[in-house]
N, C-alpha and C. Protein backbone atom coordinates (compact mmCIF):
# COMPACT_ATOMS: atom_id res chain seq x y z
N MET A 1 0.59 -1.23 0.16
CA MET A 1 -0.01 0.21 0.06
C MET A 1 0.80 1.15 0.35
N LYS A 2 0.23 2.46 -0.54
CA LYS A 2 1.48 3.45 -0.89
C LYS A 2 0.88 4.50 0.47
N THR A 3 1.86 4.97 0.86
CA THR A 3 1.70 5.44 2.26
C THR A 3 2.24 7.51 1.52
N VAL A 4 1.05 7.96 2.14
CA VAL A 4 0.91 9.71 1.99
C VAL A 4 0.91 10.15 2.74
N LEU A 5 1.44 11.43 3.11
CA LEU A 5 1.69 12.52 4.53
C LEU A 5 0.85 13.18 3.66
N VAL A 6 -0.31 13.48 4.94
CA VAL A 6 -1.10 15.13 4.29
C VAL A 6 -0.73 15.84 5.30
N MET A 7 -0.38 17.24 4.70
CA MET A 7 0.10 18.36 6.10
C MET A 7 -0.60 19.24 5.75
N GLY A 8 -0.88 20.20 7.00
CA GLY A 8 -1.33 21.24 6.84
C GLY A 8 -2.25 21.60 8.05
N ARG A 9 -2.00 23.17 8.56
CA ARG A 9 -2.39 23.64 9.43
C ARG A 9 -4.23 23.24 9.48
N ASP A 10 -4.71 23.48 8.58
CA ASP A 10 -6.53 23.36 8.62
C ASP A 10 -7.12 21.47 8.48
N TRP A 11 -7.03 21.34 9.75
CA TRP A 11 -7.81 19.95 10.39
C TRP A 11 -8.92 19.44 9.27
N LYS A 12 -9.64 20.28 8.59
CA LYS A 12 -10.69 19.97 7.89
C LYS A 12 -9.91 18.96 6.99
N PHE A 13 -8.83 20.18 6.45
CA PHE A 13 -8.56 19.69 4.60
C PHE A 13 -7.74 18.47 4.80
N ARG A 14 -6.44 18.04 6.51
CA ARG A 14 -6.39 17.03 6.53
C ARG A 14 -7.18 15.80 6.06
N ALA A 15 -8.96 16.06 7.16
CA ALA A 15 -9.48 14.81 7.26
C ALA A 15 -10.05 14.62 6.17
N LEU A 16 -10.62 15.54 5.48
CA LEU A 16 -11.22 14.98 4.08
C LEU A 16 -10.58 14.59 3.21
N LEU A 17 -9.07 15.13 2.56
CA LEU A 17 -8.01 14.19 1.94
C LEU A 17 -7.66 12.91 2.45
N ARG A 18 -7.35 12.60 3.70
CA ARG A 18 -7.08 11.70 4.55
C ARG A 18 -8.29 10.52 3.89
N ALA A 19 -9.39 11.08 4.26
CA ALA A 19 -10.52 10.20 4.53
C ALA A 19 -10.66 9.47 2.83
N GLN A 20 -10.41 10.36 1.42
CA GLN A 20 -10.73 10.17 0.34
C GLN A 20 -9.94 9.51 -0.20
N LEU A 21 -8.09 9.55 0.51
CA LEU A 21 -7.21 8.86 -0.04
C LEU A 21 -6.77 7.22 0.25
N ARG A 22 -8.25 6.79 1.77
CA ARG A 22 -8.09 5.69 1.85
C ARG A 22 -9.03 4.94 1.08
N GLU A 23 -10.67 5.48 1.09
CA GLU A 23 -11.07 5.05 0.12
C GLU A 23 -10.39 4.54 -1.57
N GLU A 24 -9.40 5.34 -1.98
CA GLU A 24 -8.77 4.86 -3.29
C GLU A 24 -7.62 4.33 -2.80
N GLY A 25 -7.61 3.88 -1.69
CA GLY A 25 -6.65 2.41 -1.12
C GLY A 25 -5.13 3.12 -0.92
N PHE A 26 -5.13 4.28 -0.59
CA PHE A 26 -3.71 4.84 -0.06
C PHE A 26 -3.64 4.94 1.33
N ASP A 27 -2.46 4.79 2.05
CA ASP A 27 -2.36 4.66 3.52
C ASP A 27 -1.77 5.95 3.81
N ALA A 28 -2.93 6.77 4.32
CA ALA A 28 -2.56 8.34 4.76
C ALA A 28 -2.46 8.72 5.99
N LEU A 29 -1.74 9.64 6.31
CA LEU A 29 -1.44 10.03 7.52
C LEU A 29 -1.61 11.39 7.50
N GLY A 30 -1.95 11.47 8.91
CA GLY A 30 -2.42 13.54 8.52
C GLY A 30 -1.31 14.15 9.98
N PHE A 31 -0.80 15.24 9.04
CA PHE A 31 0.39 15.96 10.12
C PHE A 31 -0.14 17.43 10.22
N GLU A 32 0.07 17.91 11.21
CA GLU A 32 -0.30 19.61 11.41
C GLU A 32 1.12 20.30 11.06
N SER A 33 2.06 19.71 10.91
CA SER A 33 3.76 20.39 10.33
C SER A 33 4.44 19.39 9.91
N LEU A 34 5.58 19.74 8.99
CA LEU A 34 7.00 18.78 9.10
C LEU A 34 7.48 18.47 10.49
N ASP A 35 7.46 19.21 11.28
CA ASP A 35 7.92 19.10 12.54
C ASP A 35 7.43 17.58 13.39
N ALA A 36 6.23 17.77 13.06
CA ALA A 36 5.35 16.47 13.50
C ALA A 36 5.58 15.95 12.83
N ALA A 37 5.85 15.54 11.45
CA ALA A 37 6.12 14.10 10.85
C ALA A 37 7.51 13.92 10.66
N ALA A 38 8.74 14.30 11.09
CA ALA A 38 9.59 14.23 11.20
C ALA A 38 9.95 13.18 11.28
N GLU A 39 9.58 12.58 12.59
CA GLU A 39 9.83 10.83 12.56
C GLU A 39 9.29 9.79 12.10
N VAL A 40 8.41 9.91 11.10
CA VAL A 40 7.81 9.29 10.41
C VAL A 40 8.50 9.19 8.89
N ILE A 41 9.15 10.31 8.76
CA ILE A 41 9.73 10.77 7.13
C ILE A 41 10.70 9.76 7.22
N ALA A 42 11.79 10.14 8.55
CA ALA A 42 12.96 9.42 8.99
C ALA A 42 12.88 8.15 8.83
N ARG A 43 11.79 7.63 9.65
CA ARG A 43 11.39 6.22 9.95
C ARG A 43 11.20 5.54 8.24
N SER A 44 10.61 5.67 7.48
CA SER A 44 9.96 5.21 6.19
C SER A 44 9.93 6.31 5.50
N ALA A 45 10.46 6.25 4.66
CA ALA A 45 10.27 6.90 3.25
C ALA A 45 8.62 7.26 2.58
N PRO A 46 7.91 7.98 3.02
CA PRO A 46 6.10 7.89 2.61
C PRO A 46 6.68 7.73 0.70
N ASN A 47 5.82 7.98 -0.15
CA ASN A 47 5.53 7.35 -1.77
C ASN A 47 5.19 8.89 -1.59
N ALA A 48 4.56 9.76 -1.04
CA ALA A 48 4.07 11.33 -1.57
C ALA A 48 3.52 12.04 -0.58
N ILE A 49 4.22 13.59 -0.49
CA ILE A 49 3.46 14.42 1.39
C ILE A 49 2.85 15.27 -0.02
N VAL A 50 1.60 15.84 0.75
CA VAL A 50 0.42 16.60 -0.04
C VAL A 50 0.76 17.84 1.22
N PHE A 51 1.41 19.03 1.11
CA PHE A 51 1.42 20.33 1.82
C PHE A 51 0.69 21.52 1.38
N ASP A 52 -0.31 21.80 2.13
CA ASP A 52 -1.28 22.93 2.09
C ASP A 52 -0.45 23.99 2.58
N THR A 53 -0.36 24.58 2.01
CA THR A 53 0.44 25.82 2.82
C THR A 53 -0.09 27.19 3.73
N THR A 54 -1.23 26.54 3.80
CA THR A 54 -2.00 27.88 4.50
C THR A 54 -1.79 27.71 5.83
N ASP A 55 -1.41 29.01 6.25
CA ASP A 55 -0.59 29.50 6.79
C ASP A 55 0.50 28.75 7.75
N ALA A 56 1.11 28.08 7.18
CA ALA A 56 2.17 27.51 7.15
C ALA A 56 3.74 28.63 7.31
N PRO A 57 4.80 28.56 8.16
CA PRO A 57 5.78 29.45 7.84
C PRO A 57 6.78 29.22 7.06
N GLY A 58 7.36 30.58 7.24
CA GLY A 58 8.06 30.23 5.55
C GLY A 58 9.67 29.15 5.61
N ALA A 59 9.78 28.84 7.31
CA ALA A 59 10.83 27.82 7.47
C ALA A 59 10.37 26.84 7.27
N GLU A 60 9.41 26.05 7.12
CA GLU A 60 8.58 24.90 6.46
C GLU A 60 8.98 24.94 5.23
N LEU A 61 8.48 26.24 4.35
CA LEU A 61 8.90 25.88 3.21
C LEU A 61 9.86 25.48 2.31
N ALA A 62 10.93 26.30 3.37
CA ALA A 62 12.09 26.01 3.52
C ALA A 62 12.99 24.19 3.27
N GLN A 63 12.13 24.02 4.03
CA GLN A 63 11.94 22.13 5.00
C GLN A 63 12.04 21.70 3.77
N LEU A 64 10.90 21.98 3.41
CA LEU A 64 9.67 21.33 2.24
C LEU A 64 10.92 21.52 1.05
N SER A 65 11.29 22.27 0.41
CA SER A 65 12.24 22.39 -0.65
C SER A 65 13.38 21.54 -0.44
N VAL A 66 14.07 20.92 0.45
CA VAL A 66 14.81 19.80 0.81
C VAL A 66 14.07 18.50 0.33
N LEU A 67 13.22 18.45 1.15
CA LEU A 67 12.27 17.39 0.91
C LEU A 67 12.04 16.85 -0.59
N SER A 68 11.11 18.01 -1.26
CA SER A 68 10.96 17.78 -2.25
C SER A 68 12.28 17.61 -3.42
N LYS A 69 13.30 16.92 -3.19
CA LYS A 69 14.38 16.66 -3.98
C LYS A 69 14.54 14.88 -3.72
N ARG A 70 13.79 14.57 -2.59
CA ARG A 70 14.24 13.23 -2.80
C ARG A 70 12.93 12.70 -2.72
N LEU A 71 11.67 13.49 -2.13
CA LEU A 71 10.73 12.64 -2.57
C LEU A 71 9.39 13.57 -3.08
N ARG A 72 8.17 12.78 -3.53
CA ARG A 72 7.16 13.38 -4.39
C ARG A 72 6.40 13.93 -3.52
N VAL A 73 6.40 15.55 -4.02
CA VAL A 73 6.17 16.69 -2.86
C VAL A 73 4.78 17.40 -3.92
N LEU A 74 3.56 16.91 -3.46
CA LEU A 74 2.46 17.77 -4.17
C LEU A 74 1.90 19.20 -3.16
N VAL A 75 2.34 20.35 -3.61
CA VAL A 75 2.14 21.29 -2.39
C VAL A 75 0.54 22.13 -3.08
N VAL A 76 -0.63 22.71 -2.73
CA VAL A 76 -1.75 23.13 -2.27
C VAL A 76 -1.36 24.38 -2.12
N ALA A 77 -1.65 25.21 -2.46
CA ALA A 77 -1.21 27.10 -2.44
C ALA A 77 -2.67 27.55 -3.22
N SER A 78 -2.76 28.93 -2.53
CA SER A 78 -3.36 30.01 -3.13
C SER A 78 -3.37 30.47 -4.54
N ALA A 79 -4.33 31.38 -4.76
CA ALA A 79 -4.07 31.13 -6.59
C ALA A 79 -2.71 32.11 -6.97
N GLY A 80 -2.72 33.39 -6.00
CA GLY A 80 -1.17 34.09 -6.29
C GLY A 80 0.07 33.72 -5.14
N GLU A 81 -0.06 32.92 -4.81
CA GLU A 81 1.09 32.35 -3.76
C GLU A 81 2.32 31.87 -4.57
N SER A 82 3.73 32.66 -4.01
CA SER A 82 4.36 32.18 -4.74
C SER A 82 5.05 31.22 -4.36
N VAL A 83 5.25 29.75 -4.94
CA VAL A 83 5.88 28.36 -4.07
C VAL A 83 6.79 28.52 -4.66
N PRO A 84 8.57 28.84 -4.30
CA PRO A 84 9.37 28.56 -4.80
C PRO A 84 10.38 27.24 -4.76
N LEU A 85 9.53 25.94 -5.35
CA LEU A 85 9.57 24.38 -5.17
C LEU A 85 9.51 23.93 -6.37
N PRO A 86 10.44 24.24 -7.08
CA PRO A 86 10.66 23.83 -8.24
C PRO A 86 10.56 21.75 -8.86
N GLU A 87 10.85 21.19 -7.89
CA GLU A 87 11.09 19.84 -8.02
C GLU A 87 9.19 19.23 -7.73
N ALA A 88 8.70 20.16 -7.00
CA ALA A 88 6.73 20.16 -6.46
C ALA A 88 5.98 19.96 -7.53
N GLN A 89 5.05 19.27 -7.58
CA GLN A 89 3.98 20.09 -7.97
C GLN A 89 3.40 20.83 -7.25
N VAL A 90 2.74 21.75 -7.95
CA VAL A 90 1.72 22.91 -7.64
C VAL A 90 0.67 22.44 -8.14
N LEU A 91 -0.54 22.34 -7.21
CA LEU A 91 -1.54 23.01 -7.23
C LEU A 91 -2.89 24.04 -6.74
N ARG A 92 -3.10 24.95 -7.56
CA ARG A 92 -3.55 26.30 -7.20
C ARG A 92 -5.10 25.69 -6.47
N ARG A 93 -5.70 26.84 -5.74
CA ARG A 93 -7.22 27.09 -5.27
C ARG A 93 -7.82 27.83 -5.65
N PRO A 94 -9.42 27.67 -6.43
CA PRO A 94 -9.84 26.58 -5.88
C PRO A 94 -9.34 25.31 -6.42
N VAL A 95 -9.23 23.69 -5.58
CA VAL A 95 -8.67 22.75 -6.13
C VAL A 95 -9.93 21.72 -5.32
N GLN A 96 -9.97 21.05 -6.18
CA GLN A 96 -11.22 20.08 -5.81
C GLN A 96 -10.24 18.67 -4.97
N LEU A 97 -11.33 17.80 -4.43
CA LEU A 97 -9.97 16.67 -3.82
C LEU A 97 -9.74 15.48 -4.76
N GLY A 98 -11.02 15.39 -5.84
CA GLY A 98 -10.72 14.55 -7.26
C GLY A 98 -9.06 14.75 -7.58
N GLN A 99 -8.86 16.43 -8.01
CA GLN A 99 -7.74 16.83 -8.61
C GLN A 99 -6.26 16.60 -7.85
N ILE A 100 -6.71 16.64 -6.42
CA ILE A 100 -5.19 16.13 -5.92
C ILE A 100 -5.22 14.77 -5.78
N ILE A 101 -6.05 14.26 -5.64
CA ILE A 101 -6.18 12.53 -5.43
C ILE A 101 -5.38 12.39 -7.15
N ALA A 102 -6.20 12.66 -8.07
CA ALA A 102 -5.45 12.11 -9.40
C ALA A 102 -4.31 12.65 -9.66
N ALA A 103 -3.61 13.65 -9.57
CA ALA A 103 -2.50 13.93 -9.34
C ALA A 103 -1.52 13.45 -8.79
N LEU A 104 -2.18 13.12 -7.55
CA LEU A 104 -0.66 12.25 -6.51
C LEU A 104 -0.53 10.77 -7.86
N ALA A 105 -2.26 10.07 -7.85
CA ALA A 105 -2.06 8.65 -8.67
C ALA A 105 -1.17 8.78 -9.76
N SER A 106 -0.96 9.71 -10.68
CA SER A 106 -0.56 10.18 -11.49
C SER A 106 1.15 10.21 -11.42
N ARG A 107 1.49 10.86 -10.30
CA ARG A 107 2.89 10.28 -9.65
C ARG A 107 2.86 9.41 -9.20
N ILE A 108 2.67 8.61 -8.22
CA ILE A 108 3.40 7.42 -7.89
C ILE A 108 2.41 5.94 -8.08
N ARG A 109 1.61 5.86 -8.87
CA ARG A 109 1.33 4.64 -9.59
C ARG A 109 1.70 4.24 -10.74
């Protein structure tokens, strides 16, 4: 089973996306921040990370830049937000859960 880490400050986003990912056959784990997920990332490399930039501190985006060089990262960002992560796939709001699932599936299956 493919493991996807869902990260973001918005618990509703995490909960809804995790539920849909599980329906699609993924093992989905949710975390509020990269720091909270550090142990899981170090212990077993996930197949992908979905990162919601809402209320994320700049330092976390810098950490994400390093991670995106070795893991598949999908970022969900606001329409006008600058996301300096060339290795990551970026989806702009408004975005539907189905679009996120499709983007993940095409990258990790």
